[in-house]
Amino acid sequence: KLDLVLDFDAIVDGRMAERSKPEPDIFLQTSEKLQTNPGECVVIEDSASGIAAAKAAEMKCVSFGQDGPIKTADLHIKDWTLANFEKLNALF
């Protein structure tokens, strides 16, 4: 509806992955499409299974949302007004 498709370098959704989260397939497929090493990627997730999938893919991950941090995430962002590029960049 927002016509943002051209703003993304790659789009992958759960129907395109062989196995669903908490398996890492969707994130590994995305890094492959982007021709990027998984260790150079950051996943922003709002679920424990998504965080587990990102960790299984050996990617950095940020838990997002009002419910509080997911313990295994590398960073937590409560809402986008509190997002900080320096904190994201520091993950690497």
N, C-alpha and C. Protein backbone atom coordinates (compact mmCIF):
# COMPACT_ATOMS: atom_id res chain seq x y z
N LYS A 1 0.81 -1.20 0.00
CA LYS A 1 0.00 0.00 0.00
C LYS A 1 0.85 1.26 0.00
N LEU A 2 2.04 1.18 0.59
CA LEU A 2 2.90 2.35 0.68
C LEU A 2 3.83 2.48 -0.53
N ASP A 3 3.83 1.48 -1.41
CA ASP A 3 4.65 1.49 -2.62
C ASP A 3 6.14 1.68 -2.30
N LEU A 4 6.62 0.90 -1.33
CA LEU A 4 8.01 0.99 -0.89
C LEU A 4 8.91 -0.08 -1.52
N VAL A 5 8.36 -0.93 -2.33
CA VAL A 5 9.11 -2.09 -2.81
C VAL A 5 10.44 -1.71 -3.46
N LEU A 6 10.50 -0.59 -4.14
CA LEU A 6 11.74 -0.17 -4.79
C LEU A 6 12.78 0.37 -3.81
N ASP A 7 12.38 0.60 -2.57
CA ASP A 7 13.31 1.10 -1.56
C ASP A 7 14.13 -0.01 -0.90
N PHE A 8 13.85 -1.26 -1.23
CA PHE A 8 14.54 -2.41 -0.63
C PHE A 8 15.45 -3.08 -1.65
N ASP A 9 16.62 -3.50 -1.20
CA ASP A 9 17.54 -4.23 -2.07
C ASP A 9 17.14 -5.69 -2.20
N ALA A 10 16.43 -6.22 -1.23
CA ALA A 10 15.96 -7.61 -1.28
C ALA A 10 14.74 -7.73 -0.38
N ILE A 11 13.83 -8.58 -0.79
CA ILE A 11 12.64 -8.87 0.02
C ILE A 11 12.50 -10.37 0.11
N VAL A 12 12.42 -10.87 1.34
CA VAL A 12 12.23 -12.30 1.58
C VAL A 12 11.14 -12.42 2.63
N ASP A 13 10.21 -13.33 2.43
CA ASP A 13 9.19 -13.56 3.45
C ASP A 13 9.14 -15.04 3.81
N GLY A 14 8.41 -15.35 4.84
CA GLY A 14 8.36 -16.70 5.37
C GLY A 14 7.94 -17.77 4.38
N ARG A 15 7.17 -17.40 3.38
CA ARG A 15 6.75 -18.38 2.37
C ARG A 15 7.89 -18.79 1.45
N MET A 16 8.95 -18.00 1.45
CA MET A 16 10.09 -18.28 0.57
C MET A 16 11.14 -19.16 1.24
N ALA A 17 11.05 -19.32 2.53
CA ALA A 17 12.03 -20.11 3.29
C ALA A 17 11.56 -21.55 3.43
N GLU A 18 12.50 -22.46 3.36
CA GLU A 18 12.16 -23.87 3.49
C GLU A 18 11.63 -24.20 4.88
N ARG A 19 12.30 -23.66 5.91
CA ARG A 19 11.89 -23.89 7.30
C ARG A 19 11.60 -22.55 7.96
N SER A 20 10.66 -22.54 8.89
CA SER A 20 10.29 -21.28 9.54
C SER A 20 11.10 -21.07 10.82
N LYS A 21 11.00 -19.86 11.36
CA LYS A 21 11.67 -19.52 12.61
C LYS A 21 11.19 -20.48 13.69
N PRO A 22 12.05 -20.93 14.53
CA PRO A 22 13.35 -20.40 14.91
C PRO A 22 14.53 -20.89 14.06
N GLU A 23 14.24 -21.58 12.97
CA GLU A 23 15.33 -21.97 12.05
C GLU A 23 15.82 -20.70 11.35
N PRO A 24 17.10 -20.64 10.97
CA PRO A 24 17.68 -19.41 10.43
C PRO A 24 17.46 -19.20 8.93
N ASP A 25 16.73 -20.09 8.27
CA ASP A 25 16.63 -20.08 6.81
C ASP A 25 16.30 -18.72 6.21
N ILE A 26 15.29 -18.05 6.73
CA ILE A 26 14.85 -16.78 6.13
C ILE A 26 15.95 -15.72 6.20
N PHE A 27 16.69 -15.69 7.29
CA PHE A 27 17.74 -14.69 7.43
C PHE A 27 18.96 -15.04 6.58
N LEU A 28 19.29 -16.31 6.49
CA LEU A 28 20.41 -16.74 5.64
C LEU A 28 20.08 -16.49 4.17
N GLN A 29 18.85 -16.74 3.78
CA GLN A 29 18.42 -16.49 2.41
C GLN A 29 18.51 -15.00 2.08
N THR A 30 18.14 -14.17 3.04
CA THR A 30 18.21 -12.73 2.83
C THR A 30 19.65 -12.27 2.66
N SER A 31 20.55 -12.74 3.52
CA SER A 31 21.95 -12.32 3.40
C SER A 31 22.55 -12.81 2.08
N GLU A 32 22.12 -13.99 1.63
CA GLU A 32 22.59 -14.50 0.34
C GLU A 32 22.10 -13.59 -0.80
N LYS A 33 20.83 -13.21 -0.78
CA LYS A 33 20.30 -12.32 -1.81
C LYS A 33 21.02 -10.98 -1.82
N LEU A 34 21.42 -10.53 -0.65
CA LEU A 34 22.14 -9.25 -0.53
C LEU A 34 23.64 -9.40 -0.77
N GLN A 35 24.09 -10.63 -0.96
CA GLN A 35 25.51 -10.93 -1.13
C GLN A 35 26.33 -10.35 0.02
N THR A 36 25.83 -10.64 1.24
CA THR A 36 26.44 -10.12 2.46
C THR A 36 26.70 -11.27 3.41
N ASN A 37 27.81 -11.21 4.10
CA ASN A 37 28.13 -12.20 5.12
C ASN A 37 27.13 -12.09 6.26
N PRO A 38 26.57 -13.20 6.75
CA PRO A 38 25.61 -13.12 7.86
C PRO A 38 26.15 -12.36 9.07
N GLY A 39 27.43 -12.45 9.33
CA GLY A 39 28.02 -11.76 10.47
C GLY A 39 28.02 -10.24 10.33
N GLU A 40 27.69 -9.75 9.15
CA GLU A 40 27.63 -8.31 8.90
C GLU A 40 26.19 -7.79 8.90
N CYS A 41 25.25 -8.64 9.30
CA CYS A 41 23.83 -8.29 9.27
C CYS A 41 23.28 -8.03 10.67
N VAL A 42 22.26 -7.17 10.73
CA VAL A 42 21.51 -6.93 11.96
C VAL A 42 20.05 -7.26 11.67
N VAL A 43 19.48 -8.07 12.54
CA VAL A 43 18.06 -8.42 12.45
C VAL A 43 17.33 -7.67 13.55
N ILE A 44 16.22 -7.05 13.20
CA ILE A 44 15.36 -6.40 14.18
C ILE A 44 14.11 -7.25 14.31
N GLU A 45 13.87 -7.75 15.51
CA GLU A 45 12.82 -8.75 15.74
C GLU A 45 11.98 -8.41 16.95
N ASP A 46 10.73 -8.88 16.92
CA ASP A 46 9.85 -8.67 18.06
C ASP A 46 9.42 -9.97 18.72
N SER A 47 10.07 -11.07 18.33
CA SER A 47 9.68 -12.37 18.91
C SER A 47 10.91 -13.17 19.31
N ALA A 48 10.73 -14.02 20.31
CA ALA A 48 11.83 -14.88 20.76
C ALA A 48 12.27 -15.85 19.67
N SER A 49 11.32 -16.37 18.89
CA SER A 49 11.70 -17.31 17.82
C SER A 49 12.49 -16.59 16.73
N GLY A 50 12.17 -15.33 16.46
CA GLY A 50 12.93 -14.56 15.50
C GLY A 50 14.33 -14.25 15.99
N ILE A 51 14.47 -13.94 17.27
CA ILE A 51 15.79 -13.71 17.87
C ILE A 51 16.61 -14.99 17.80
N ALA A 52 15.99 -16.13 18.11
CA ALA A 52 16.68 -17.42 18.05
C ALA A 52 17.14 -17.71 16.63
N ALA A 53 16.31 -17.39 15.64
CA ALA A 53 16.68 -17.62 14.23
C ALA A 53 17.85 -16.73 13.83
N ALA A 54 17.83 -15.48 14.25
CA ALA A 54 18.93 -14.56 13.93
C ALA A 54 20.23 -15.05 14.56
N LYS A 55 20.16 -15.48 15.81
CA LYS A 55 21.36 -15.99 16.49
C LYS A 55 21.87 -17.26 15.80
N ALA A 56 20.95 -18.13 15.38
CA ALA A 56 21.36 -19.36 14.68
C ALA A 56 22.03 -19.03 13.34
N ALA A 57 21.66 -17.90 12.75
CA ALA A 57 22.28 -17.44 11.50
C ALA A 57 23.58 -16.70 11.75
N GLU A 58 23.95 -16.55 13.03
CA GLU A 58 25.15 -15.84 13.45
C GLU A 58 25.11 -14.37 13.07
N MET A 59 23.91 -13.79 13.20
CA MET A 59 23.71 -12.38 12.94
C MET A 59 23.51 -11.64 14.25
N LYS A 60 23.80 -10.36 14.26
CA LYS A 60 23.48 -9.52 15.40
C LYS A 60 21.97 -9.34 15.41
N CYS A 61 21.43 -9.15 16.59
CA CYS A 61 19.99 -8.96 16.61
C CYS A 61 19.55 -8.00 17.69
N VAL A 62 18.48 -7.28 17.34
CA VAL A 62 17.90 -6.26 18.18
C VAL A 62 16.46 -6.66 18.47
N SER A 63 16.11 -6.71 19.74
CA SER A 63 14.71 -6.93 20.08
C SER A 63 14.01 -5.58 20.03
N PHE A 64 12.79 -5.58 19.54
CA PHE A 64 12.06 -4.35 19.35
C PHE A 64 10.67 -4.45 19.96
N GLY A 65 10.28 -3.45 20.70
CA GLY A 65 8.91 -3.39 21.18
C GLY A 65 8.77 -2.97 22.62
N GLN A 66 7.55 -2.68 22.98
CA GLN A 66 7.20 -2.19 24.31
C GLN A 66 7.28 -3.27 25.38
N ASP A 67 7.25 -4.54 24.97
CA ASP A 67 7.21 -5.63 25.94
C ASP A 67 8.52 -5.82 26.69
N GLY A 68 9.55 -5.14 26.30
CA GLY A 68 10.83 -5.27 26.99
C GLY A 68 11.80 -6.13 26.20
N PRO A 69 13.04 -6.13 26.63
CA PRO A 69 14.08 -6.85 25.88
C PRO A 69 13.91 -8.36 25.95
N ILE A 70 14.32 -9.00 24.89
CA ILE A 70 14.44 -10.45 24.86
C ILE A 70 15.88 -10.73 25.24
N LYS A 71 16.09 -11.53 26.26
CA LYS A 71 17.41 -11.68 26.89
C LYS A 71 18.54 -12.02 25.93
N THR A 72 18.29 -12.80 24.90
CA THR A 72 19.37 -13.23 24.02
C THR A 72 19.69 -12.21 22.93
N ALA A 73 18.92 -11.12 22.84
CA ALA A 73 19.19 -10.08 21.84
C ALA A 73 20.44 -9.30 22.24
N ASP A 74 21.09 -8.72 21.25
CA ASP A 74 22.29 -7.92 21.49
C ASP A 74 21.95 -6.51 21.97
N LEU A 75 20.74 -6.07 21.66
CA LEU A 75 20.32 -4.71 21.98
C LEU A 75 18.79 -4.70 21.99
N HIS A 76 18.19 -3.77 22.73
CA HIS A 76 16.74 -3.62 22.72
C HIS A 76 16.38 -2.18 22.39
N ILE A 77 15.39 -2.02 21.51
CA ILE A 77 14.85 -0.71 21.18
C ILE A 77 13.36 -0.73 21.50
N LYS A 78 12.96 0.13 22.41
CA LYS A 78 11.57 0.16 22.86
C LYS A 78 10.65 0.71 21.77
N ASP A 79 11.07 1.79 21.11
CA ASP A 79 10.32 2.33 19.98
C ASP A 79 11.29 3.11 19.08
N TRP A 80 10.87 3.41 17.87
CA TRP A 80 11.78 4.01 16.89
C TRP A 80 12.29 5.39 17.29
N THR A 81 11.58 6.09 18.15
CA THR A 81 12.07 7.40 18.58
C THR A 81 13.31 7.27 19.44
N LEU A 82 13.56 6.06 19.97
CA LEU A 82 14.74 5.82 20.81
C LEU A 82 15.85 5.10 20.06
N ALA A 83 15.65 4.83 18.77
CA ALA A 83 16.67 4.15 17.97
C ALA A 83 17.89 5.05 17.86
N ASN A 84 19.05 4.42 17.85
CA ASN A 84 20.30 5.17 17.86
C ASN A 84 21.30 4.44 16.96
N PHE A 85 21.69 5.10 15.86
CA PHE A 85 22.61 4.48 14.91
C PHE A 85 23.93 4.11 15.56
N GLU A 86 24.41 4.92 16.45
CA GLU A 86 25.69 4.64 17.10
C GLU A 86 25.62 3.33 17.89
N LYS A 87 24.50 3.09 18.58
CA LYS A 87 24.35 1.83 19.32
C LYS A 87 24.27 0.63 18.39
N LEU A 88 23.58 0.79 17.26
CA LEU A 88 23.54 -0.29 16.27
C LEU A 88 24.92 -0.55 15.70
N ASN A 89 25.61 0.50 15.35
CA ASN A 89 26.94 0.38 14.77
C ASN A 89 27.92 -0.26 15.76
N ALA A 90 27.73 0.01 17.04
CA ALA A 90 28.62 -0.54 18.07
C ALA A 90 28.50 -2.07 18.19
N LEU A 91 27.44 -2.64 17.63
CA LEU A 91 27.30 -4.10 17.66
C LEU A 91 28.41 -4.78 16.87
N PHE A 92 29.01 -4.04 15.97
CA PHE A 92 30.07 -4.60 15.13
C PHE A 92 31.42 -4.15 15.60
